[in-house]
Amino acid sequence: MSATQLAALARTTEPQTVLRRFLALDAVVTGANGVAYLVASGPLGDFLGVASGLLLVLGVFLTAYAAAVGLLAARQRPPALPVRAVIETNLAWTVLSFLALALWLTPSTAGAVWTVLQALTVAGFAALQHLALRARQENSD
């Protein structure tokens, strides 16, 4: 993806703002997912074919993670090291989602589709954040 395409997607040409927007989007989507798991773990667990206890634990993790990413996005210039940690955590989540699906989860069809879709979404966040961080660093040089 070119810098022009990245800027168009983020609706700004300022690399700093591009990075912050992709971090903020990650925080909002992850936070919404985490809150949904917390408040509706029973019905969602039944629908997805996943234990409600697992969804509760994931909800706590995702809500805390979203808050941390949101705080990072709120910084005027998010430091590169924590941004890289977000990117790597997103990539780890993606890999673990596919491994869980292949090795130990036995979700419903909806749960399997949801697991793949959320893993691909998180991988997309990682890619966009990586490209935005790289663009910011190239702009600083």
Protein backbone atom coordinates (compact mmCIF):
# COMPACT_ATOMS: atom_id res chain seq x y z
CA MET A 1 0.00 0.00 0.00
CA SER A 2 1.43 3.33 -1.00
CA ALA A 3 1.68 6.34 1.28
CA THR A 4 -1.01 8.01 -0.83
CA GLN A 5 -3.41 5.08 -0.36
CA LEU A 6 -2.67 4.99 3.37
CA ALA A 7 -3.32 8.74 3.65
CA ALA A 8 -6.56 8.40 1.69
CA LEU A 9 -7.73 5.60 3.98
CA ALA A 10 -6.93 7.67 7.07
CA ARG A 11 -8.26 10.86 5.43
CA THR A 12 -5.13 12.84 6.22
CA THR A 13 -1.63 13.24 4.79
CA GLU A 14 -0.03 13.82 8.20
CA PRO A 15 1.81 10.55 9.08
CA GLN A 16 1.47 11.24 12.80
CA THR A 17 -2.30 11.57 12.50
CA VAL A 18 -2.52 8.47 10.28
CA LEU A 19 -0.83 6.39 12.97
CA ARG A 20 -2.98 7.81 15.75
CA ARG A 21 -6.18 7.17 13.77
CA PHE A 22 -5.34 3.53 13.10
CA LEU A 23 -4.46 3.02 16.76
CA ALA A 24 -7.72 4.69 17.79
CA LEU A 25 -9.75 2.56 15.38
CA ASP A 26 -8.12 -0.55 16.82
CA ALA A 27 -8.97 0.63 20.35
CA VAL A 28 -12.62 1.31 19.50
CA VAL A 29 -13.23 -1.99 17.69
CA THR A 30 -11.33 -4.03 20.28
CA GLY A 31 -13.08 -2.25 23.14
CA ALA A 32 -16.51 -2.86 21.64
CA ASN A 33 -15.67 -6.52 21.19
CA GLY A 34 -14.38 -6.77 24.77
CA VAL A 35 -17.44 -5.08 26.26
CA ALA A 36 -19.74 -7.33 24.22
CA TYR A 37 -17.93 -10.39 25.59
CA LEU A 38 -18.24 -9.03 29.13
CA VAL A 39 -21.92 -8.11 29.07
CA ALA A 40 -23.25 -10.89 26.84
CA SER A 41 -20.85 -13.79 27.39
CA GLY A 42 -23.72 -16.25 27.91
CA PRO A 43 -25.76 -15.55 24.78
CA LEU A 44 -22.65 -14.96 22.66
CA GLY A 45 -21.09 -18.14 23.97
CA ASP A 46 -24.19 -20.11 23.00
CA PHE A 47 -24.30 -18.51 19.55
CA LEU A 48 -20.57 -18.89 18.86
CA GLY A 49 -20.26 -22.32 20.46
CA VAL A 50 -17.61 -21.11 22.88
CA ALA A 51 -17.60 -21.35 26.68
CA SER A 52 -18.96 -18.21 28.31
CA GLY A 53 -16.10 -18.31 30.83
CA LEU A 54 -13.59 -18.04 27.99
CA LEU A 55 -15.49 -15.07 26.58
CA LEU A 56 -15.46 -13.39 29.99
CA VAL A 57 -11.68 -13.78 30.26
CA LEU A 58 -11.23 -12.54 26.70
CA GLY A 59 -13.57 -9.65 27.45
CA VAL A 60 -11.44 -8.52 30.39
CA PHE A 61 -8.26 -8.80 28.34
CA LEU A 62 -9.69 -7.04 25.29
CA THR A 63 -11.18 -4.21 27.33
CA ALA A 64 -7.89 -3.58 29.13
CA TYR A 65 -5.92 -3.87 25.89
CA ALA A 66 -8.28 -1.45 24.14
CA ALA A 67 -7.84 1.07 26.95
CA ALA A 68 -4.05 0.84 26.64
CA VAL A 69 -4.16 1.23 22.85
CA GLY A 70 -6.57 4.14 23.25
CA LEU A 71 -4.20 5.87 25.65
CA LEU A 72 -1.38 5.35 23.17
CA ALA A 73 -3.51 6.78 20.35
CA ALA A 74 -4.30 9.83 22.50
CA ARG A 75 -0.63 10.77 22.74
CA GLN A 76 0.51 13.54 20.43
CA ARG A 77 3.37 11.36 19.18
CA PRO A 78 2.96 7.72 20.22
CA PRO A 79 6.43 6.27 20.92
CA ALA A 80 7.61 3.69 18.39
CA LEU A 81 8.32 0.91 20.91
CA PRO A 82 4.78 0.72 22.35
CA VAL A 83 3.34 0.98 18.82
CA ARG A 84 5.51 -1.97 17.79
CA ALA A 85 4.24 -3.84 20.85
CA VAL A 86 0.65 -3.22 19.69
CA ILE A 87 1.51 -4.45 16.20
CA GLU A 88 3.19 -7.58 17.55
CA THR A 89 0.33 -8.26 19.98
CA ASN A 90 -2.14 -7.96 17.11
CA LEU A 91 -0.09 -10.41 15.05
CA ALA A 92 0.13 -12.82 17.99
CA TRP A 93 -3.66 -12.58 18.46
CA THR A 94 -4.13 -13.43 14.79
CA VAL A 95 -1.88 -16.49 14.96
CA LEU A 96 -3.40 -17.68 18.25
CA SER A 97 -6.91 -17.31 16.85
CA PHE A 98 -6.12 -19.61 13.93
CA LEU A 99 -4.28 -22.06 16.18
CA ALA A 100 -7.16 -22.14 18.66
CA LEU A 101 -9.59 -22.79 15.84
CA ALA A 102 -7.44 -25.58 14.39
CA LEU A 103 -6.31 -27.23 17.62
CA TRP A 104 -8.75 -26.86 20.50
CA LEU A 105 -11.87 -24.81 19.86
CA THR A 106 -14.95 -26.52 18.47
CA PRO A 107 -17.18 -23.52 17.78
CA SER A 108 -20.44 -23.39 15.90
CA THR A 109 -20.29 -22.41 12.23
CA ALA A 110 -20.96 -18.82 13.29
CA GLY A 111 -18.16 -19.07 15.84
CA ALA A 112 -15.70 -20.40 13.27
CA VAL A 113 -16.60 -17.63 10.83
CA TRP A 114 -16.38 -15.03 13.61
CA THR A 115 -12.95 -16.31 14.69
CA VAL A 116 -11.58 -16.05 11.16
CA LEU A 117 -13.14 -12.61 10.54
CA GLN A 118 -11.85 -11.12 13.79
CA ALA A 119 -8.39 -12.61 13.21
CA LEU A 120 -8.25 -11.07 9.73
CA THR A 121 -9.49 -7.74 11.10
CA VAL A 122 -6.78 -7.70 13.76
CA ALA A 123 -4.17 -8.64 11.15
CA GLY A 124 -5.43 -5.70 9.08
CA PHE A 125 -4.97 -3.36 12.05
CA ALA A 126 -1.41 -4.65 12.47
CA ALA A 127 -0.63 -4.06 8.80
CA LEU A 128 -2.10 -0.55 8.79
CA GLN A 129 -0.30 0.38 12.02
CA HIS A 130 2.98 -0.99 10.67
CA LEU A 131 2.65 0.98 7.44
CA ALA A 132 1.70 4.14 9.33
CA LEU A 133 4.63 3.78 11.73
CA ARG A 134 6.99 3.24 8.81
CA ALA A 135 5.59 6.29 6.99
CA ARG A 136 6.02 8.40 10.11
CA GLN A 137 9.63 7.25 10.48
CA GLU A 138 10.38 7.91 6.79
CA ASN A 139 8.85 11.39 7.13
CA SER A 140 11.08 12.10 10.16
CA ASP A 141 14.29 11.22 8.31
